[in-house]
Structures are given as C-alpha cells and as structure tokens.
C-alpha cells in the first residue's frame, strides 16, 4: 500500500543567532594598561631587589624577567577588575546626569581639568618615593579616574561653577527662578492673610522681605477710624508676626531704599529692579506694571486662578453617567480630570451623556465632588432615547 506524498516545503530552520562579541571599553583597557605597566615595574623592581645577581631561575629566564612576567600577568588580571569597577562607578554617576545642557558641559570640562590636576598632585609624592616607571602609571590612573570624577561633579554643580568660571568661559549663569529669589511682600498679600497657608503648603520658602513703606501702610490701616480698614491693617500685622515663626521662611524688615520715589508700589518695583528680587503680590495691576518693568513677579491671585475648580456653580457641562448613586434617583459620572459628579433625578439616564447644570461644588480631604441636576427635564421611567420637544 502506497501513500501519496505531498510535496510540502521543508520547515524553515530557526534563524541562527550570532552572539555579539563584547567589545572592550577603551577606558577599561587604558586603565588596565596603566595597572599592567605598574605591576610589571613592581615585579621588576621586586625581583631586582631580592635577587640582583641571580642567574636563570626558570628555564632561560632570570629572576628579573620572571618578576616582570609575573607582574604583567597579575596587572592584566587585576587591571581589568579595577578598570571595570571604575567605569561602573562612573556610569552609575552618569545615569543621574543624563541629558544635561551645554552649560553643564562647560562646567564639566572645567571640573575634569581641575580633577586631573588634583590627581596629578595626589600622585606626585609617588615620584619622590619610587622610580619613574612605577610612578608614571599611578599618575595616569589617578589622572583618568579623578578627572572623570571632576567632570561629573562640575556638570552636576553647574550653577555654582558658572558663577566662578562663567565670565572667563564666555557663558553667563542661568537666571534663577522667581521662587528661589528673595521676595518683597506687598501690602495686598499681607492684608489677604492666605500667605501663611501657602507657606505651610510648601509652595513658598526662603527669604521674605518687608519694607518700611509697607509697614507704614499697614500701621496706617490699623490706626484708621473705619472699622473695616482697621481690621485689614491688624490682620496684615498679625500675618507678618505669624510668618516670622514659620519654618523654612526668613522674614527680614528693611528700610526705604528708594526715598526719591513717592508711591509705595513704585518703591517696591524700584527695589526689586535694583536688588534683583521678586515681587510677591495679589494686585494684578501692580503685577502687570512690575512685569513690564522687568521684575519677576509671584502673583498669588494667578496661583489661585490656576488651582480653581474646573467647574463652578452655574456652569453647564456634559457628563457621561456611569452608575446609580447612593440616594434614590441619583446618577454618578466623572469629569475629564476624575472629579465625581452626582446628578439628582437622573438615574434613568445611566449609560448616556447628559447635559447637567452644576448646583454646588464640595471640596473634601479626598478631592472635589460636584452636585448637579439635569438640563433636559425630569427623569424618564427607564433607559431610552432622550426625549425630544416638538
């Protein structure tokens, strides 16, 4: 009995995988070469000191040659380990300094030069205690290792290095952020009273400066005949007193450094320009004028606007209702930022997108909750198409 044999293509053999040979690092081999030269010289000097007149001790090789060969072999083995350990340490440092700007390259080069000089200075006593053939590899090894370390340190401390070498190198230091500068406190910020909460939340820290004209304004308000103005002045003085005891903040009171300027706001702008300080204010008009003049401004009103709720009472938004709520007739949906929206009289609209009118916004420790009611009218008896009005 014969069976028909169908000509089928032979199964494709799995592709051969070629193991890539590890290419030795140039830096590792340079470091290894330094260790080999040092170990060979050490073996040579040791053999010459122990057996200066010995003849052949291993076949045709005398003691000095044997010391040279043994030292070279040990240096090759130990040099590879030392070189790779050094390179691994440098690579671990490099991971934390990835994608640095050009300014850091300049400071890194300066650090490498300083490090190389420091390594050469550290290895100089070896030249006094050992022959040159022993001291030279030590000099090269320390020069490479400490120079590489100096480059990493110089790149990571870019700001401080640029202040030292930025002028001669032709690179200006990067401008500090406004939050890192000393900040002049405006009268409007002191009166508002929310500055302490912002400080306690960690958004403001460092040196804060209160000028004599601002204190005079607050004292004038506190002594005013109007009860409302008097309350504002007292609140401002109490805030400054509370601010002095906050951690992370240094409150400093200075005199009038712009006596030729009459207006208090203009005095603050002039002092910020003269001393390269930032202006901390809640007055939007003053913030605009100061920004036009070139002052860096920290506007707490702009911060409050950036952190305001995504919706407020009276807004109309579209919400996809996903499930029923805890109370009868409620349905629950979510805004794009994850804020929960509880819609009254909308359980029959679950699974549909519904325009709702926001009635209130509740802020809790776990986030915000929005309460709303449907815009389309009363809840239908069950799921179905949205009712139309003819």
Protein backbone atom coordinates (compact mmCIF):
# COMPACT_ATOMS: atom_id res chain seq x y z
CA UNK A 1 0.00 0.00 0.00
CA UNK A 2 1.46 3.21 -1.08
CA UNK A 3 0.69 6.56 0.33
CA UNK A 4 0.68 9.70 -1.65
CA UNK A 5 3.38 12.05 -0.66
CA UNK A 6 2.55 15.68 -0.99
CA UNK A 7 5.43 17.96 -1.86
CA UNK A 8 5.44 20.34 1.03
CA UNK A 9 8.07 22.94 1.60
CA UNK A 10 10.57 21.99 4.22
CA UNK A 11 10.07 23.73 7.52
CA UNK A 12 12.19 26.78 7.84
CA UNK A 13 15.09 26.27 10.15
CA UNK A 14 15.22 28.67 13.06
CA UNK A 15 17.41 31.65 12.34
CA UNK A 16 20.89 31.35 13.68
CA UNK A 17 21.60 33.74 16.40
CA UNK A 18 25.05 35.17 16.42
CA UNK A 19 26.27 36.14 19.81
CA UNK A 20 27.73 39.56 19.65
CA UNK A 21 31.20 39.70 20.99
CA UNK A 22 31.66 42.16 23.75
CA UNK A 23 33.82 44.98 22.58
CA UNK A 24 36.15 46.01 25.40
CA UNK A 25 35.79 49.58 26.54
CA UNK A 26 38.63 51.87 25.59
CA UNK A 27 38.64 53.42 29.06
CA UNK A 28 38.82 49.98 30.70
CA UNK A 29 41.76 48.99 28.50
CA UNK A 30 43.54 52.25 29.20
CA UNK A 31 43.11 51.76 32.93
CA UNK A 32 44.18 48.12 32.60
CA UNK A 33 47.28 49.17 30.66
CA UNK A 34 48.24 51.54 33.45
CA UNK A 35 47.85 48.74 36.01
CA UNK A 36 49.85 46.31 33.83
CA UNK A 37 52.71 48.77 33.47
CA UNK A 38 52.66 49.46 37.18
CA UNK A 39 52.55 45.76 38.12
CA UNK A 40 55.32 44.89 35.63
CA UNK A 41 57.52 47.64 37.00
CA UNK A 42 56.72 46.49 40.55
CA UNK A 43 57.65 42.91 39.67
CA UNK A 44 60.83 44.08 38.00
CA UNK A 45 61.87 46.19 40.98
CA UNK A 46 60.96 43.45 43.48
CA UNK A 47 62.98 40.80 41.62
CA UNK A 48 65.94 43.11 41.23
CA UNK A 49 65.87 43.95 44.93
CA UNK A 50 65.56 40.34 46.09
CA UNK A 51 67.89 38.63 43.63
CA UNK A 52 70.05 41.19 41.84
CA UNK A 53 72.75 38.72 40.78
CA UNK A 54 70.65 35.55 40.33
CA UNK A 55 71.09 33.60 37.14
CA UNK A 56 68.46 31.61 35.30
CA UNK A 57 65.68 30.56 37.68
CA UNK A 58 63.01 29.41 35.22
CA UNK A 59 64.50 27.94 32.07
CA UNK A 60 66.21 30.68 30.13
CA UNK A 61 64.59 33.44 32.23
CA UNK A 62 66.41 35.08 35.06
CA UNK A 63 64.78 36.41 38.23
CA UNK A 64 64.24 39.92 36.89
CA UNK A 65 62.50 38.62 33.75
CA UNK A 66 60.32 36.28 35.81
CA UNK A 67 59.33 39.19 38.08
CA UNK A 68 58.47 41.25 35.02
CA UNK A 69 56.31 38.47 33.51
CA UNK A 70 54.53 37.65 36.79
CA UNK A 71 53.86 41.32 37.49
CA UNK A 72 52.46 41.84 33.99
CA UNK A 73 50.11 38.86 34.34
CA UNK A 74 48.84 39.96 37.73
CA UNK A 75 48.46 43.50 36.47
CA UNK A 76 46.43 42.33 33.47
CA UNK A 77 44.03 40.37 35.69
CA UNK A 78 43.71 42.96 38.42
CA UNK A 79 43.68 45.86 35.97
CA UNK A 80 40.58 44.54 34.21
CA UNK A 81 38.71 44.31 37.52
CA UNK A 82 39.81 47.76 38.65
CA UNK A 83 39.04 49.29 35.26
CA UNK A 84 35.53 47.84 35.11
CA UNK A 85 34.79 48.81 38.71
CA UNK A 86 35.93 52.37 37.96
CA UNK A 87 33.85 52.52 34.79
CA UNK A 88 30.78 51.11 36.58
CA UNK A 89 31.05 53.78 39.23
CA UNK A 90 31.29 56.45 36.54
CA UNK A 91 28.29 55.01 34.68
CA UNK A 92 26.18 55.00 37.83
CA UNK A 93 27.00 58.66 38.25
CA UNK A 94 26.25 59.29 34.58
CA UNK A 95 22.69 57.95 34.89
CA UNK A 96 21.87 60.76 37.27
CA UNK A 97 23.36 63.38 34.95
CA UNK A 98 21.66 62.33 31.71
CA UNK A 99 20.74 64.89 29.04
CA UNK A 100 22.42 67.90 30.58
CA UNK A 101 22.50 71.26 28.76
CA UNK A 102 25.56 72.83 27.18
CA UNK A 103 26.33 74.92 30.24
CA UNK A 104 26.95 71.77 32.21
CA UNK A 105 29.34 70.51 29.56
CA UNK A 106 31.44 73.65 30.06
CA UNK A 107 31.46 73.25 33.81
CA UNK A 108 32.14 69.53 33.38
CA UNK A 109 35.24 70.23 31.29
CA UNK A 110 36.48 72.69 33.91
CA UNK A 111 35.86 70.08 36.59
CA UNK A 112 37.74 67.47 34.55
CA UNK A 113 40.77 69.76 34.25
CA UNK A 114 40.71 70.53 37.96
CA UNK A 115 40.27 66.85 38.77
CA UNK A 116 43.16 65.83 36.56
CA UNK A 117 45.40 68.38 38.21
CA UNK A 118 44.27 67.18 41.63
CA UNK A 119 45.02 63.58 40.64
CA UNK A 120 48.46 64.57 39.42
CA UNK A 121 49.13 66.45 42.64
CA UNK A 122 47.99 63.46 44.71
CA UNK A 123 50.29 61.11 42.80
CA UNK A 124 53.32 63.43 42.88
CA UNK A 125 54.70 62.02 46.17
CA UNK A 126 54.98 58.65 44.41
CA UNK A 127 57.66 60.15 42.15
CA UNK A 128 59.67 61.01 45.25
CA UNK A 129 59.33 57.56 46.80
CA UNK A 130 59.51 55.26 43.77
CA UNK A 131 61.19 55.13 40.36
CA UNK A 132 59.53 56.87 37.44
CA UNK A 133 58.44 53.60 35.83
CA UNK A 134 56.34 52.91 38.96
CA UNK A 135 55.06 56.43 39.47
CA UNK A 136 54.02 57.14 35.88
CA UNK A 137 51.21 54.51 35.74
CA UNK A 138 49.91 55.76 39.10
CA UNK A 139 49.85 59.28 37.70
CA UNK A 140 47.91 58.18 34.61
CA UNK A 141 45.41 56.10 36.58
CA UNK A 142 44.65 58.84 39.09
CA UNK A 143 44.52 61.45 36.33
CA UNK A 144 41.89 59.50 34.39
CA UNK A 145 39.78 58.48 37.41
CA UNK A 146 39.85 61.80 39.29
CA UNK A 147 39.48 63.78 36.04
CA UNK A 148 36.35 61.80 35.16
CA UNK A 149 35.01 62.36 38.68
CA UNK A 150 35.75 66.08 38.38
CA UNK A 151 33.80 66.21 35.13
CA UNK A 152 30.75 64.65 36.78
CA UNK A 153 30.95 66.94 39.79
CA UNK A 154 31.41 70.02 37.60
CA UNK A 155 28.39 69.10 35.47
CA UNK A 156 26.18 68.41 38.50
CA UNK A 157 27.13 71.70 40.19
CA UNK A 158 26.55 73.79 37.08
CA UNK A 159 25.07 76.87 38.75
CA UNK A 160 27.89 77.30 41.25
CA UNK A 161 30.57 76.61 38.66
CA UNK A 162 29.13 79.12 36.20
CA UNK A 163 29.31 81.83 38.83
CA UNK A 164 33.02 81.11 39.18
CA UNK A 165 34.08 80.48 35.58
CA UNK A 166 31.14 81.75 33.52
CA UNK A 167 32.74 85.09 32.70
CA UNK A 168 36.14 83.79 31.53
CA UNK A 169 34.47 80.95 29.64
CA UNK A 170 32.03 83.29 27.90
CA UNK A 171 28.95 81.56 29.35
CA UNK A 172 26.53 83.51 31.51
CA UNK A 173 24.98 81.73 34.51
CA UNK A 174 21.37 80.72 34.09
CA UNK A 175 18.83 83.00 35.66
CA UNK A 176 17.41 81.78 38.95
CA UNK A 177 13.69 81.10 39.18
CA UNK A 178 11.48 83.68 40.84
CA UNK A 179 10.63 81.34 43.72
CA UNK A 180 14.35 80.97 44.55
CA UNK A 181 14.91 84.74 44.83
CA UNK A 182 14.34 86.89 47.92
CA UNK A 183 10.72 88.06 47.79
CA UNK A 184 9.38 91.52 48.70
CA UNK A 185 5.96 91.22 50.36
CA UNK A 186 3.33 93.64 49.05
CA UNK A 187 0.66 95.21 51.25
CA UNK A 188 -2.11 93.33 49.44
CA UNK A 189 -0.52 89.97 50.32
CA UNK A 190 -0.24 90.86 54.00
CA UNK A 191 -3.84 92.04 54.17
CA UNK A 192 -5.21 88.96 52.39
CA UNK A 193 -3.99 86.56 55.08
CA UNK A 194 -3.58 83.43 52.92
CA UNK A 195 0.20 83.75 52.64
CA UNK A 196 0.80 81.63 55.76
CA UNK A 197 -1.31 78.79 54.30
CA UNK A 198 0.68 78.90 51.06
CA UNK A 199 3.94 78.79 53.03
CA UNK A 200 2.74 75.87 55.15
CA UNK A 201 1.74 74.02 51.98
CA UNK A 202 5.37 74.28 50.82
CA UNK A 203 4.86 76.50 47.77
CA UNK A 204 6.83 79.43 49.18
CA UNK A 205 10.02 79.40 51.21
CA UNK A 206 13.27 81.25 51.66
CA UNK A 207 13.91 84.88 52.36
CA UNK A 208 10.92 87.24 52.53
CA UNK A 209 11.42 90.97 52.86
CA UNK A 210 9.06 93.55 54.35
CA UNK A 211 9.92 97.16 53.61
CA UNK A 212 9.36 100.15 55.87
CA UNK A 213 6.80 101.74 53.46
CA UNK A 214 4.66 98.57 53.60
CA UNK A 215 4.82 98.53 57.40
CA UNK A 216 3.79 102.19 57.43
CA UNK A 217 0.80 101.40 55.22
CA UNK A 218 -0.26 98.54 57.50
CA UNK A 219 0.14 100.70 60.60
CA UNK A 220 -1.91 103.46 58.97
CA UNK A 221 -4.67 100.98 58.22
CA UNK A 222 -4.57 99.57 61.75
CA UNK A 223 -4.94 103.10 63.21
CA UNK A 224 -7.70 104.16 60.79
CA UNK A 225 -11.09 105.28 62.05
CA UNK A 226 -13.02 102.93 59.76
CA UNK A 227 -13.56 99.51 61.35
CA UNK A 228 -13.06 97.61 58.10
CA UNK A 229 -9.75 99.33 57.31
CA UNK A 230 -8.62 98.86 60.90
CA UNK A 231 -9.34 95.10 60.70
CA UNK A 232 -7.34 94.83 57.46
CA UNK A 233 -4.32 96.54 58.99
CA UNK A 234 -4.39 94.37 62.10
CA UNK A 235 -4.74 91.22 60.03
CA UNK A 236 -1.71 92.23 57.97
CA UNK A 237 0.44 92.87 61.05
CA UNK A 238 -0.67 89.57 62.61
CA UNK A 239 0.21 87.71 59.41
CA UNK A 240 3.74 89.12 59.40
CA UNK A 241 4.12 88.13 63.04
CA UNK A 242 2.94 84.59 62.24
CA UNK A 243 5.20 84.42 59.20
CA UNK A 244 8.27 85.09 61.33
CA UNK A 245 7.71 81.82 63.20
CA UNK A 246 7.23 79.61 60.14
CA UNK A 247 9.86 77.01 59.30
CA UNK A 248 11.68 77.46 56.03
CA UNK A 249 11.00 81.22 55.94
CA UNK A 250 13.32 84.03 56.96
CA UNK A 251 11.46 87.31 57.46
CA UNK A 252 13.58 90.44 57.16
CA UNK A 253 12.50 94.05 57.67
CA UNK A 254 14.45 96.71 55.77
CA UNK A 255 14.17 100.44 55.41
CA UNK A 256 13.14 102.58 52.46
CA UNK A 257 15.83 102.06 49.80
CA UNK A 258 14.07 104.28 47.24
CA UNK A 259 13.31 107.52 49.13
CA UNK A 260 13.25 109.51 45.91
CA UNK A 261 10.12 107.62 44.76
CA UNK A 262 6.85 108.80 46.30
CA UNK A 263 4.42 105.94 45.56
CA UNK A 264 4.75 102.76 47.66
CA UNK A 265 4.14 100.40 44.73
CA UNK A 266 6.73 102.26 42.66
CA UNK A 267 9.18 101.95 45.57
CA UNK A 268 8.74 98.16 45.60
CA UNK A 269 9.28 97.93 41.84
CA UNK A 270 12.43 100.07 42.06
CA UNK A 271 13.85 98.00 44.91
CA UNK A 272 13.16 94.75 43.05
CA UNK A 273 14.98 96.07 39.99
CA UNK A 274 17.94 97.37 41.98
CA UNK A 275 18.44 94.22 44.08
CA UNK A 276 17.19 91.54 41.65
CA UNK A 277 14.40 90.48 43.99
CA UNK A 278 10.98 89.04 43.19
CA UNK A 279 7.71 90.82 43.98
CA UNK A 280 5.06 88.86 45.91
CA UNK A 281 1.68 90.45 45.35
CA UNK A 282 -2.05 89.95 44.91
CA UNK A 283 -2.58 93.18 42.98
CA UNK A 284 -2.98 92.22 39.32
CA UNK A 285 -2.39 95.76 38.08
CA UNK A 286 0.82 96.07 40.08
CA UNK A 287 1.89 92.65 38.81
CA UNK A 288 1.44 93.77 35.19
CA UNK A 289 3.33 97.03 35.72
CA UNK A 290 6.18 95.24 37.51
CA UNK A 291 6.39 92.56 34.80
CA UNK A 292 6.60 95.24 32.09
CA UNK A 293 9.40 96.92 34.04
CA UNK A 294 11.35 93.66 34.11
CA UNK A 295 10.59 92.48 37.65
CA UNK A 296 9.92 88.81 38.27
CA UNK A 297 6.52 88.56 39.91
CA UNK A 298 4.87 85.92 42.09
CA UNK A 299 1.17 86.65 41.81
CA UNK A 300 -0.86 84.69 44.37
CA UNK A 301 -4.03 85.63 42.53
CA UNK A 302 -2.73 83.86 39.42
CA UNK A 303 -1.92 80.83 41.61
CA UNK A 304 -5.47 80.81 42.96
CA UNK A 305 -6.85 81.05 39.42
CA UNK A 306 -4.71 78.12 38.31
CA UNK A 307 -5.99 75.99 41.22
CA UNK A 308 -9.65 76.92 40.96
CA UNK A 309 -12.16 74.10 40.43
CA UNK A 310 -12.73 73.00 36.82
CA UNK A 311 -16.41 73.92 37.18
CA UNK A 312 -18.32 76.26 39.47
CA UNK A 313 -21.97 76.63 40.38
CA UNK A 314 -23.99 77.73 37.37
CA UNK A 315 -21.79 76.04 34.75
CA UNK A 316 -23.39 73.66 32.26
CA UNK A 317 -21.34 70.60 31.31
CA UNK A 318 -21.89 67.27 29.54
CA UNK A 319 -21.35 64.22 31.75
CA UNK A 320 -21.44 60.51 30.89
CA UNK A 321 -23.48 58.88 33.68
CA UNK A 322 -21.91 55.53 34.57
CA UNK A 323 -23.85 54.22 37.57
CA UNK A 324 -26.56 54.97 40.04
CA UNK A 325 -25.91 56.96 43.18
CA UNK A 326 -26.45 56.10 46.84
CA UNK A 327 -29.62 58.13 47.15
CA UNK A 328 -32.84 57.50 45.27
CA UNK A 329 -32.84 58.97 41.77
CA UNK A 330 -29.14 59.88 41.78
CA UNK A 331 -26.70 59.04 39.00
CA UNK A 332 -22.92 59.36 39.08
CA UNK A 333 -20.47 60.41 36.35
CA UNK A 334 -16.98 61.85 36.16
CA UNK A 335 -15.33 64.86 34.58
CA UNK A 336 -12.19 64.52 32.45
CA UNK A 337 -9.94 65.13 35.48
CA UNK A 338 -11.67 62.41 37.53
CA UNK A 339 -13.92 64.70 39.59
CA UNK A 340 -17.08 62.87 40.67
CA UNK A 341 -20.37 64.41 39.55
CA UNK A 342 -23.55 63.45 41.41
CA UNK A 343 -26.65 64.28 39.36
CA UNK A 344 -30.06 64.40 41.06
CA UNK A 345 -33.13 62.88 39.37
CA UNK A 346 -31.04 61.26 36.64
CA UNK A 347 -30.92 57.53 37.42
CA UNK A 348 -32.88 56.77 34.27
CA UNK A 349 -30.13 58.39 32.17
CA UNK A 350 -27.39 55.97 33.29
CA UNK A 351 -25.27 54.93 30.30
CA UNK A 352 -25.92 58.14 28.42
CA UNK A 353 -24.20 61.51 28.13
CA UNK A 354 -26.35 64.18 29.68
CA UNK A 355 -26.05 67.97 29.88
CA UNK A 356 -26.23 68.97 33.53
CA UNK A 357 -26.28 72.25 35.45
CA UNK A 358 -23.81 72.49 38.34
CA UNK A 359 -25.54 73.45 41.57
CA UNK A 360 -22.64 73.26 44.04
CA UNK A 361 -19.02 72.14 44.39
CA UNK A 362 -17.86 70.45 47.59
CA UNK A 363 -14.13 70.26 48.40
CA UNK A 364 -13.14 67.45 50.76
CA UNK A 365 -9.89 65.96 52.02
CA UNK A 366 -10.11 63.32 49.26
CA UNK A 367 -10.85 65.75 46.43
CA UNK A 368 -13.82 67.55 44.93
CA UNK A 369 -17.42 66.47 44.45
CA UNK A 370 -19.75 68.24 42.07
CA UNK A 371 -23.53 68.21 42.52
CA UNK A 372 -25.75 68.93 39.54
CA UNK A 373 -29.21 68.47 38.06
CA UNK A 374 -30.24 67.56 34.51
CA UNK A 375 -30.90 70.29 31.99
CA UNK A 376 -33.19 68.15 29.79
CA UNK A 377 -36.08 67.88 32.21
CA UNK A 378 -37.49 65.19 34.52
CA UNK A 379 -36.03 61.71 34.71
CA UNK A 380 -37.58 59.17 32.28
CA UNK A 381 -39.02 55.92 33.60
CA UNK A 382 -36.28 53.82 32.02
CA UNK A 383 -33.32 53.95 29.68
CA UNK A 384 -34.09 55.02 26.17
CA UNK A 385 -33.60 57.82 23.72
CA UNK A 386 -33.52 61.33 25.01
CA UNK A 387 -36.98 62.91 24.86
CA UNK A 388 -37.45 65.48 22.17
CA UNK A 389 -39.66 68.50 22.33
CA UNK A 390 -41.64 69.01 19.13
